[in-house]
Amino acid sequence: MELILDVVNSFWFQSIFKLILGFVLAGIIGLERSSWNKPAGFRTHSLLGISSVLMMLCGEYMAQKYNNLIDPSRISAQLLSGIGFIGAGTILRDGFNVKGLTTAAALLSVTCIGLSIGAGFYLGGIVTTFIVYVILSYSYKLSDKLEHFTMMTLKIEISQNTNEVLSSIEKLLSKYHVEIKQIKRPDKDDDDNGSETVIISGQYDRVGFNKNELLHNITSLKNVKELVEE
């Protein structure tokens, strides 16, 4: 029993436990973000989570190694600030979509792994490399199994009779089992005769859902001038 407690309380066991726990907890937040179609999803959150844990462990390891005679966080802090500029350069905006967030998070992970190996914290670097590889290679399989619901946001321009058209759109969304979360009418006109833009956010089950058919039916409605999915 005493041997088991010694192993559990050892720095090496605690390191592995913290890395896995950081990955799991950050991944849970990422899954919630993914379910709302946010740019930073499961992979980005889990990569940043495990990188943060690794940096804390690396600092703790160096403090133990050098008996607190130096400040081991200074070099890593400067390097992480620098890698932030490189990561920002990989993030691009393509219309309503944001690309490169996972790549930027992967660069941060690689930087943290390099710092750990350079400090002699081999176990942390190796375990993190394995987890990061699994995240990048197989996380989509986990996401597909857990994320059945997806958010959609429609920006619809209506030429006139907005209330009537909006009522028809709501009926169509209900027919396709889309749960409306929010309806915005930023330029609402009281007389309801002028052109107006309506933004509708909804959630739907991806299984058996025909998005193209739904969008076609909405654009076919009278007085619908333009439809854009954000």
Protein backbone atom coordinates (compact mmCIF):
# COMPACT_ATOMS: atom_id res chain seq x y z
CA MET A 1 0.00 0.00 0.00
CA GLU A 2 2.82 2.36 0.89
CA LEU A 3 4.50 1.62 -2.44
CA ILE A 4 1.32 2.50 -4.34
CA LEU A 5 1.01 5.78 -2.47
CA ASP A 6 4.63 6.61 -3.24
CA VAL A 7 4.03 5.98 -6.95
CA VAL A 8 0.80 7.99 -7.00
CA ASN A 9 2.41 10.92 -5.19
CA SER A 10 5.55 10.87 -7.31
CA PHE A 11 6.25 13.78 -9.64
CA TRP A 12 6.27 11.52 -12.70
CA PHE A 13 2.86 9.96 -12.03
CA GLN A 14 1.38 13.33 -11.16
CA SER A 15 2.78 14.76 -14.39
CA ILE A 16 1.08 12.13 -16.56
CA PHE A 17 -2.17 12.52 -14.60
CA LYS A 18 -2.15 16.32 -14.94
CA LEU A 19 -1.42 16.18 -18.68
CA ILE A 20 -4.29 13.77 -19.35
CA LEU A 21 -6.66 15.68 -17.05
CA GLY A 22 -5.77 19.01 -18.71
CA PHE A 23 -6.43 17.48 -22.14
CA VAL A 24 -9.79 16.02 -21.06
CA LEU A 25 -11.10 19.13 -19.28
CA ALA A 26 -10.04 21.54 -22.03
CA GLY A 27 -11.46 19.13 -24.61
CA ILE A 28 -14.86 19.16 -22.89
CA ILE A 29 -15.01 22.95 -23.26
CA GLY A 30 -13.89 22.58 -26.88
CA LEU A 31 -16.70 20.12 -27.61
CA GLU A 32 -19.24 22.61 -26.32
CA ARG A 33 -17.77 25.30 -28.59
CA SER A 34 -17.77 22.90 -31.55
CA SER A 35 -21.46 22.18 -31.04
CA TRP A 36 -22.10 25.89 -31.68
CA ASN A 37 -19.94 25.95 -34.81
CA LYS A 38 -17.34 28.23 -33.21
CA PRO A 39 -13.92 28.48 -34.93
CA ALA A 40 -11.98 27.23 -31.89
CA GLY A 41 -13.32 23.77 -31.15
CA PHE A 42 -12.22 20.52 -29.54
CA ARG A 43 -8.76 20.30 -31.07
CA THR A 44 -7.79 23.92 -30.43
CA HIS A 45 -8.98 23.91 -26.82
CA SER A 46 -7.39 20.56 -25.97
CA LEU A 47 -4.06 21.57 -27.53
CA LEU A 48 -3.96 24.83 -25.59
CA GLY A 49 -5.01 23.07 -22.40
CA ILE A 50 -2.32 20.42 -22.51
CA SER A 51 0.31 22.99 -23.55
CA SER A 52 -0.48 25.11 -20.50
CA VAL A 53 -0.22 22.09 -18.20
CA LEU A 54 3.11 21.08 -19.76
CA MET A 55 4.57 24.57 -19.21
CA MET A 56 3.61 24.51 -15.54
CA LEU A 57 5.12 21.05 -15.12
CA CYS A 58 8.28 22.10 -16.95
CA GLY A 59 8.69 25.08 -14.61
CA GLU A 60 8.14 22.85 -11.59
CA TYR A 61 10.68 20.33 -12.90
CA MET A 62 13.35 22.98 -13.47
CA ALA A 63 12.74 24.51 -10.03
CA GLN A 64 13.33 21.09 -8.44
CA LYS A 65 16.37 20.39 -10.61
CA TYR A 66 18.16 23.65 -9.78
CA ASN A 67 16.96 23.89 -6.16
CA ASN A 68 15.13 27.17 -6.83
CA LEU A 69 18.41 28.96 -7.56
CA ILE A 70 17.19 30.32 -10.92
CA ASP A 71 13.94 31.55 -12.39
CA PRO A 72 13.16 28.88 -14.99
CA SER A 73 10.02 30.64 -16.19
CA ARG A 74 11.84 33.64 -17.70
CA ILE A 75 13.16 31.93 -20.85
CA SER A 76 9.96 30.03 -21.53
CA ALA A 77 7.85 33.17 -21.02
CA GLN A 78 9.89 35.09 -23.61
CA LEU A 79 9.72 32.24 -26.10
CA LEU A 80 5.98 31.79 -25.69
CA SER A 81 5.46 35.51 -26.33
CA GLY A 82 7.47 35.21 -29.53
CA ILE A 83 5.64 32.13 -30.78
CA GLY A 84 2.40 34.06 -30.34
CA PHE A 85 3.33 36.28 -33.29
CA ILE A 86 4.00 33.25 -35.47
CA GLY A 87 0.72 31.67 -34.40
CA ALA A 88 -1.18 34.87 -35.20
CA GLY A 89 0.30 34.78 -38.71
CA THR A 90 -1.25 31.37 -39.37
CA ILE A 91 -4.80 32.51 -38.51
CA LEU A 92 -6.70 33.67 -41.57
CA ARG A 93 -10.25 34.88 -42.07
CA ASP A 94 -12.06 33.48 -45.10
CA GLY A 95 -15.45 35.17 -45.33
CA PHE A 96 -17.37 34.14 -42.23
CA ASN A 97 -14.91 31.33 -41.46
CA VAL A 98 -11.67 31.45 -39.49
CA LYS A 99 -8.85 29.13 -40.50
CA GLY A 100 -5.55 28.30 -38.85
CA LEU A 101 -6.54 28.25 -35.18
CA THR A 102 -5.61 24.58 -34.78
CA THR A 103 -2.30 25.15 -36.57
CA ALA A 104 -1.50 28.04 -34.23
CA ALA A 105 -2.36 25.88 -31.22
CA ALA A 106 -0.19 23.06 -32.61
CA LEU A 107 2.74 25.49 -32.93
CA LEU A 108 2.30 26.41 -29.27
CA SER A 109 2.26 22.72 -28.35
CA VAL A 110 5.45 22.04 -30.30
CA THR A 111 7.13 25.01 -28.60
CA CYS A 112 6.18 23.69 -25.17
CA ILE A 113 7.40 20.20 -26.10
CA GLY A 114 10.73 21.64 -27.24
CA LEU A 115 11.13 23.61 -24.02
CA SER A 116 10.42 20.49 -21.96
CA ILE A 117 12.94 18.38 -23.84
CA GLY A 118 15.51 21.17 -23.57
CA ALA A 119 14.96 21.34 -19.81
CA GLY A 120 15.40 17.58 -19.48
CA PHE A 121 11.75 16.91 -18.70
CA TYR A 122 11.65 14.03 -21.19
CA LEU A 123 8.60 12.23 -19.86
CA GLY A 124 6.38 15.29 -20.14
CA GLY A 125 7.58 16.02 -23.68
CA ILE A 126 7.07 12.44 -24.85
CA VAL A 127 3.62 12.01 -23.27
CA THR A 128 2.48 15.38 -24.63
CA THR A 129 3.74 14.52 -28.12
CA PHE A 130 1.69 11.32 -28.07
CA ILE A 131 -1.47 13.09 -26.86
CA VAL A 132 -1.07 15.93 -29.40
CA TYR A 133 -0.65 13.39 -32.20
CA VAL A 134 -3.83 11.61 -31.12
CA ILE A 135 -5.70 14.93 -30.95
CA LEU A 136 -4.66 15.99 -34.45
CA SER A 137 -5.11 12.57 -36.06
CA TYR A 138 -8.20 11.06 -34.43
CA SER A 139 -10.16 13.81 -32.64
CA TYR A 140 -12.59 14.18 -35.52
CA LYS A 141 -13.82 10.63 -34.89
CA LEU A 142 -14.63 11.49 -31.29
CA SER A 143 -16.28 14.74 -32.35
CA ASP A 144 -18.47 12.99 -34.91
CA LYS A 145 -19.70 10.54 -32.27
CA LEU A 146 -20.38 13.12 -29.58
CA GLU A 147 -21.53 16.11 -31.62
CA HIS A 148 -24.87 15.21 -33.16
CA PHE A 149 -26.19 18.77 -33.13
CA THR A 150 -24.89 21.64 -35.21
CA MET A 151 -25.68 25.34 -35.21
CA MET A 152 -26.61 27.29 -38.32
CA THR A 153 -27.01 31.03 -38.78
CA LEU A 154 -28.99 32.38 -41.72
CA LYS A 155 -28.89 36.00 -42.88
CA ILE A 156 -32.03 36.57 -44.94
CA GLU A 157 -32.94 39.74 -46.86
CA ILE A 158 -36.69 40.16 -47.27
CA SER A 159 -38.09 42.72 -49.71
CA GLN A 160 -41.50 43.26 -48.08
CA ASN A 161 -44.15 41.74 -45.83
CA THR A 162 -41.44 40.60 -43.44
CA ASN A 163 -43.75 39.21 -40.78
CA GLU A 164 -45.56 36.95 -43.24
CA VAL A 165 -42.33 35.72 -44.80
CA LEU A 166 -40.78 35.19 -41.39
CA SER A 167 -43.77 33.09 -40.36
CA SER A 168 -43.30 30.91 -43.47
CA ILE A 169 -39.59 30.52 -42.72
CA GLU A 170 -40.35 29.44 -39.16
CA LYS A 171 -42.74 26.79 -40.48
CA LEU A 172 -40.06 25.50 -42.87
CA LEU A 173 -37.47 25.33 -40.09
CA SER A 174 -39.94 23.45 -37.90
CA LYS A 175 -40.63 21.03 -40.75
CA TYR A 176 -36.91 20.24 -40.99
CA HIS A 177 -36.64 19.95 -37.19
CA VAL A 178 -34.46 23.03 -36.79
CA GLU A 179 -34.81 24.47 -33.28
CA ILE A 180 -34.73 28.26 -33.49
CA LYS A 181 -32.40 29.76 -30.88
CA GLN A 182 -32.49 33.43 -31.85
CA ILE A 183 -34.12 35.81 -34.33
CA LYS A 184 -32.62 39.26 -34.88
CA ARG A 185 -34.19 42.09 -36.83
CA PRO A 186 -31.53 44.82 -36.57
CA ASP A 187 -33.23 47.14 -39.06
CA LYS A 188 -36.85 46.40 -38.16
CA ASP A 189 -39.36 48.66 -39.91
CA ASP A 190 -42.69 49.29 -38.17
CA ASP A 191 -44.66 49.51 -41.41
CA ASP A 192 -43.28 46.12 -42.52
CA ASN A 193 -43.27 47.23 -46.18
CA GLY A 194 -39.60 48.03 -46.73
CA SER A 195 -36.64 45.71 -47.32
CA GLU A 196 -35.34 44.15 -44.12
CA THR A 197 -32.57 41.79 -43.09
CA VAL A 198 -33.38 39.03 -40.60
CA ILE A 199 -30.76 36.89 -38.85
CA ILE A 200 -31.94 33.48 -37.61
CA SER A 201 -29.82 31.12 -35.51
CA GLY A 202 -30.92 27.52 -35.03
CA GLN A 203 -29.74 24.08 -34.00
CA TYR A 204 -30.34 20.86 -35.93
CA ASP A 205 -29.42 17.19 -35.83
CA ARG A 206 -26.93 16.41 -38.59
CA VAL A 207 -28.20 12.84 -39.02
CA GLY A 208 -30.54 12.75 -42.02
CA PHE A 209 -30.62 16.55 -42.37
CA ASN A 210 -30.72 17.96 -45.92
CA LYS A 211 -29.41 21.51 -45.59
CA ASN A 212 -29.32 22.24 -49.32
CA GLU A 213 -32.99 21.36 -49.68
CA LEU A 214 -33.93 23.59 -46.74
CA LEU A 215 -31.96 26.57 -48.09
CA HIS A 216 -33.48 26.08 -51.55
CA ASN A 217 -37.00 26.08 -50.10
CA ILE A 218 -36.34 29.27 -48.14
CA THR A 219 -34.93 31.11 -51.16
CA SER A 220 -37.98 29.98 -53.17
CA LEU A 221 -40.32 31.85 -50.82
CA LYS A 222 -41.92 34.98 -52.19
CA ASN A 223 -40.18 38.25 -51.21
CA VAL A 224 -36.95 36.51 -50.13
CA LYS A 225 -34.26 38.45 -52.00
CA GLU A 226 -31.06 36.90 -50.62
CA LEU A 227 -29.99 34.14 -48.24
CA VAL A 228 -26.49 33.79 -46.79
CA GLU A 229 -25.36 31.14 -44.31
CA GLU A 230 -22.90 32.66 -41.88
